[in-house]
């Protein structure tokens, strides 16, 4: 799975960023389980890097941040019960 864009600019659209981040978050969760909640943003960036290395640096950073944020939200939901 690699990031590809279909727009006139070199940046991914916001929708594409979120779709890619959702897919990567699911993939990492399937691989690591609830341990993803303990990852630092730098760790998430390192784990997603092989999947987004063809994107612009800004998009790579955005995807990593979105994935990390999704994990934080999921952790909060799980803790609430």
N, C-alpha and C. Protein backbone atom coordinates (compact mmCIF):
# COMPACT_ATOMS: atom_id res chain seq x y z
N UNK A 1 0.85 -1.16 0.00
CA UNK A 1 0.00 0.00 0.00
C UNK A 1 0.91 1.24 0.00
N UNK A 2 0.79 2.03 -1.01
CA UNK A 2 1.53 3.28 -1.08
C UNK A 2 0.56 4.41 -1.33
N UNK A 3 0.94 5.61 -0.95
CA UNK A 3 0.09 6.77 -1.17
C UNK A 3 0.22 7.26 -2.60
N UNK A 4 -0.89 7.46 -3.26
CA UNK A 4 -0.91 8.02 -4.60
C UNK A 4 -1.90 9.17 -4.60
N UNK A 5 -1.64 10.18 -5.40
CA UNK A 5 -2.56 11.31 -5.41
C UNK A 5 -3.12 11.53 -6.80
N UNK A 6 -4.32 12.07 -6.85
CA UNK A 6 -5.00 12.37 -8.08
C UNK A 6 -5.52 13.80 -7.99
N UNK A 7 -4.63 14.78 -8.03
CA UNK A 7 -5.03 16.17 -7.96
C UNK A 7 -4.05 16.99 -8.79
N UNK A 8 -4.34 18.28 -8.91
CA UNK A 8 -3.47 19.14 -9.71
C UNK A 8 -2.25 19.61 -8.93
N UNK A 9 -2.31 19.56 -7.60
CA UNK A 9 -1.14 19.92 -6.81
C UNK A 9 -0.41 18.65 -6.41
N UNK A 10 0.77 18.80 -5.91
CA UNK A 10 1.55 17.65 -5.50
C UNK A 10 1.13 17.15 -4.11
N UNK A 11 0.39 17.96 -3.37
CA UNK A 11 -0.09 17.55 -2.04
C UNK A 11 -1.33 16.70 -2.18
N UNK A 12 -1.49 15.75 -1.27
CA UNK A 12 -2.72 14.97 -1.23
C UNK A 12 -3.86 15.84 -0.72
N UNK A 13 -5.05 15.54 -1.18
CA UNK A 13 -6.22 16.24 -0.66
C UNK A 13 -6.43 15.81 0.79
N UNK A 14 -7.18 16.60 1.52
CA UNK A 14 -7.46 16.26 2.91
C UNK A 14 -8.17 14.91 3.01
N UNK A 15 -9.08 14.66 2.10
CA UNK A 15 -9.82 13.39 2.10
C UNK A 15 -8.86 12.22 1.87
N UNK A 16 -7.94 12.39 0.90
CA UNK A 16 -6.96 11.32 0.62
C UNK A 16 -6.05 11.08 1.81
N UNK A 17 -5.65 12.17 2.50
CA UNK A 17 -4.81 12.03 3.68
C UNK A 17 -5.52 11.21 4.75
N UNK A 18 -6.79 11.53 5.00
CA UNK A 18 -7.54 10.81 6.02
C UNK A 18 -7.82 9.37 5.62
N UNK A 19 -8.10 9.14 4.34
CA UNK A 19 -8.33 7.76 3.88
C UNK A 19 -7.07 6.92 4.05
N UNK A 20 -5.93 7.47 3.66
CA UNK A 20 -4.66 6.76 3.80
C UNK A 20 -4.34 6.52 5.28
N UNK A 21 -4.55 7.54 6.10
CA UNK A 21 -4.28 7.41 7.53
C UNK A 21 -5.19 6.36 8.17
N UNK A 22 -6.46 6.32 7.77
CA UNK A 22 -7.37 5.30 8.30
C UNK A 22 -6.88 3.91 7.96
N UNK A 23 -6.48 3.71 6.71
CA UNK A 23 -6.01 2.39 6.27
C UNK A 23 -4.74 1.99 7.01
N UNK A 24 -3.82 2.93 7.18
CA UNK A 24 -2.58 2.63 7.89
C UNK A 24 -2.83 2.36 9.37
N UNK A 25 -3.73 3.11 9.98
CA UNK A 25 -4.05 2.89 11.39
C UNK A 25 -4.64 1.50 11.58
N UNK A 26 -5.53 1.09 10.70
CA UNK A 26 -6.10 -0.25 10.79
C UNK A 26 -5.04 -1.32 10.62
N UNK A 27 -4.16 -1.11 9.66
CA UNK A 27 -3.08 -2.07 9.41
C UNK A 27 -2.18 -2.21 10.65
N UNK A 28 -1.79 -1.08 11.22
CA UNK A 28 -0.92 -1.13 12.40
C UNK A 28 -1.64 -1.74 13.60
N UNK A 29 -2.92 -1.43 13.75
CA UNK A 29 -3.67 -2.01 14.87
C UNK A 29 -3.80 -3.53 14.70
N UNK A 30 -4.04 -3.98 13.47
CA UNK A 30 -4.13 -5.42 13.22
C UNK A 30 -2.80 -6.11 13.52
N UNK A 31 -1.71 -5.41 13.29
CA UNK A 31 -0.38 -5.98 13.51
C UNK A 31 0.03 -5.93 14.98
N UNK A 32 -0.19 -4.79 15.64
CA UNK A 32 0.32 -4.56 16.98
C UNK A 32 -0.74 -4.62 18.08
N UNK A 33 -1.99 -4.59 17.73
CA UNK A 33 -3.05 -4.59 18.72
C UNK A 33 -3.06 -3.31 19.54
N UNK A 34 -3.50 -3.41 20.77
CA UNK A 34 -3.65 -2.21 21.61
C UNK A 34 -2.31 -1.57 22.00
N UNK A 35 -1.21 -2.22 21.66
CA UNK A 35 0.11 -1.59 21.93
C UNK A 35 0.29 -0.30 21.14
N UNK A 36 -0.51 -0.12 20.07
CA UNK A 36 -0.38 1.11 19.28
C UNK A 36 -0.69 2.34 20.12
N UNK A 37 -1.50 2.16 21.17
CA UNK A 37 -1.88 3.30 22.01
C UNK A 37 -0.68 3.86 22.78
N UNK A 38 0.36 3.08 22.93
CA UNK A 38 1.54 3.50 23.69
C UNK A 38 2.62 4.12 22.81
N UNK A 39 2.41 4.13 21.50
CA UNK A 39 3.43 4.64 20.59
C UNK A 39 3.52 6.16 20.64
N UNK A 40 4.74 6.66 20.60
CA UNK A 40 4.97 8.10 20.46
C UNK A 40 4.76 8.47 18.99
N UNK A 41 4.54 9.74 18.74
CA UNK A 41 4.34 10.18 17.34
C UNK A 41 5.53 9.82 16.47
N UNK A 42 6.74 9.93 17.01
CA UNK A 42 7.93 9.59 16.22
C UNK A 42 7.94 8.11 15.86
N UNK A 43 7.46 7.27 16.77
CA UNK A 43 7.37 5.83 16.48
C UNK A 43 6.36 5.56 15.38
N UNK A 44 5.23 6.22 15.44
CA UNK A 44 4.21 6.06 14.40
C UNK A 44 4.77 6.51 13.06
N UNK A 45 5.47 7.64 13.05
CA UNK A 45 6.06 8.13 11.81
C UNK A 45 7.02 7.11 11.22
N UNK A 46 7.80 6.49 12.07
CA UNK A 46 8.76 5.49 11.60
C UNK A 46 8.04 4.26 11.05
N UNK A 47 6.96 3.85 11.68
CA UNK A 47 6.22 2.67 11.23
C UNK A 47 5.47 2.90 9.92
N UNK A 48 4.97 4.11 9.70
CA UNK A 48 4.23 4.37 8.46
C UNK A 48 5.14 4.80 7.31
N UNK A 49 6.37 5.15 7.60
CA UNK A 49 7.28 5.67 6.58
C UNK A 49 7.41 4.78 5.35
N UNK A 50 7.56 3.46 5.49
CA UNK A 50 7.67 2.63 4.28
C UNK A 50 6.44 2.70 3.36
N UNK A 51 5.29 3.04 3.93
CA UNK A 51 4.06 3.11 3.15
C UNK A 51 3.82 4.46 2.50
N UNK A 52 4.52 5.49 2.98
CA UNK A 52 4.27 6.85 2.48
C UNK A 52 5.53 7.52 1.93
N UNK A 53 6.59 6.75 1.72
CA UNK A 53 7.86 7.36 1.32
C UNK A 53 7.82 8.00 -0.07
N UNK A 54 6.76 7.72 -0.84
CA UNK A 54 6.63 8.34 -2.15
C UNK A 54 5.86 9.66 -2.10
N UNK A 55 5.42 10.06 -0.91
CA UNK A 55 4.68 11.31 -0.75
C UNK A 55 5.60 12.45 -0.41
N UNK A 56 5.09 13.66 -0.57
CA UNK A 56 5.83 14.84 -0.13
C UNK A 56 6.05 14.77 1.37
N UNK A 57 7.11 15.37 1.85
CA UNK A 57 7.45 15.35 3.27
C UNK A 57 6.29 15.85 4.13
N UNK A 58 5.63 16.92 3.68
CA UNK A 58 4.51 17.47 4.45
C UNK A 58 3.38 16.45 4.57
N UNK A 59 3.10 15.74 3.48
CA UNK A 59 2.05 14.73 3.52
C UNK A 59 2.45 13.55 4.41
N UNK A 60 3.71 13.17 4.36
CA UNK A 60 4.20 12.10 5.23
C UNK A 60 3.98 12.47 6.70
N UNK A 61 4.34 13.69 7.04
CA UNK A 61 4.18 14.15 8.42
C UNK A 61 2.71 14.23 8.82
N UNK A 62 1.87 14.70 7.90
CA UNK A 62 0.44 14.80 8.19
C UNK A 62 -0.17 13.43 8.41
N UNK A 63 0.18 12.46 7.58
CA UNK A 63 -0.37 11.11 7.72
C UNK A 63 0.05 10.52 9.06
N UNK A 64 1.31 10.67 9.41
CA UNK A 64 1.80 10.13 10.69
C UNK A 64 1.07 10.78 11.86
N UNK A 65 0.86 12.09 11.79
CA UNK A 65 0.16 12.79 12.87
C UNK A 65 -1.28 12.31 12.97
N UNK A 66 -1.96 12.16 11.83
CA UNK A 66 -3.35 11.71 11.83
C UNK A 66 -3.47 10.30 12.42
N UNK A 67 -2.57 9.41 12.02
CA UNK A 67 -2.58 8.04 12.55
C UNK A 67 -2.39 8.07 14.06
N UNK A 68 -1.40 8.83 14.52
CA UNK A 68 -1.15 8.93 15.96
C UNK A 68 -2.38 9.47 16.68
N UNK A 69 -3.01 10.48 16.12
CA UNK A 69 -4.20 11.07 16.72
C UNK A 69 -5.36 10.06 16.76
N UNK A 70 -5.51 9.28 15.71
CA UNK A 70 -6.54 8.24 15.70
C UNK A 70 -6.32 7.25 16.84
N UNK A 71 -5.06 6.88 17.06
CA UNK A 71 -4.75 5.95 18.15
C UNK A 71 -5.08 6.57 19.51
N UNK A 72 -4.81 7.85 19.68
CA UNK A 72 -5.12 8.52 20.93
C UNK A 72 -6.62 8.55 21.17
N UNK A 73 -7.39 8.85 20.13
CA UNK A 73 -8.85 8.87 20.25
C UNK A 73 -9.38 7.49 20.58
N UNK A 74 -8.86 6.47 19.89
CA UNK A 74 -9.31 5.09 20.14
C UNK A 74 -9.00 4.66 21.57
N UNK A 75 -7.84 5.06 22.06
CA UNK A 75 -7.47 4.73 23.43
C UNK A 75 -8.45 5.36 24.42
N UNK A 76 -8.80 6.62 24.20
CA UNK A 76 -9.77 7.30 25.07
C UNK A 76 -11.12 6.59 25.04
N UNK A 77 -11.55 6.18 23.85
CA UNK A 77 -12.83 5.46 23.73
C UNK A 77 -12.78 4.13 24.47
N UNK A 78 -11.67 3.43 24.34
CA UNK A 78 -11.54 2.14 25.01
C UNK A 78 -11.54 2.30 26.53
N UNK A 79 -10.89 3.36 27.01
CA UNK A 79 -10.84 3.59 28.45
C UNK A 79 -12.21 3.97 29.02
N UNK A 80 -13.03 4.61 28.21
CA UNK A 80 -14.38 4.99 28.66
C UNK A 80 -15.29 3.79 28.77
N UNK A 81 -14.94 2.72 28.09
CA UNK A 81 -15.69 1.49 28.24
C UNK A 81 -16.60 1.20 27.13
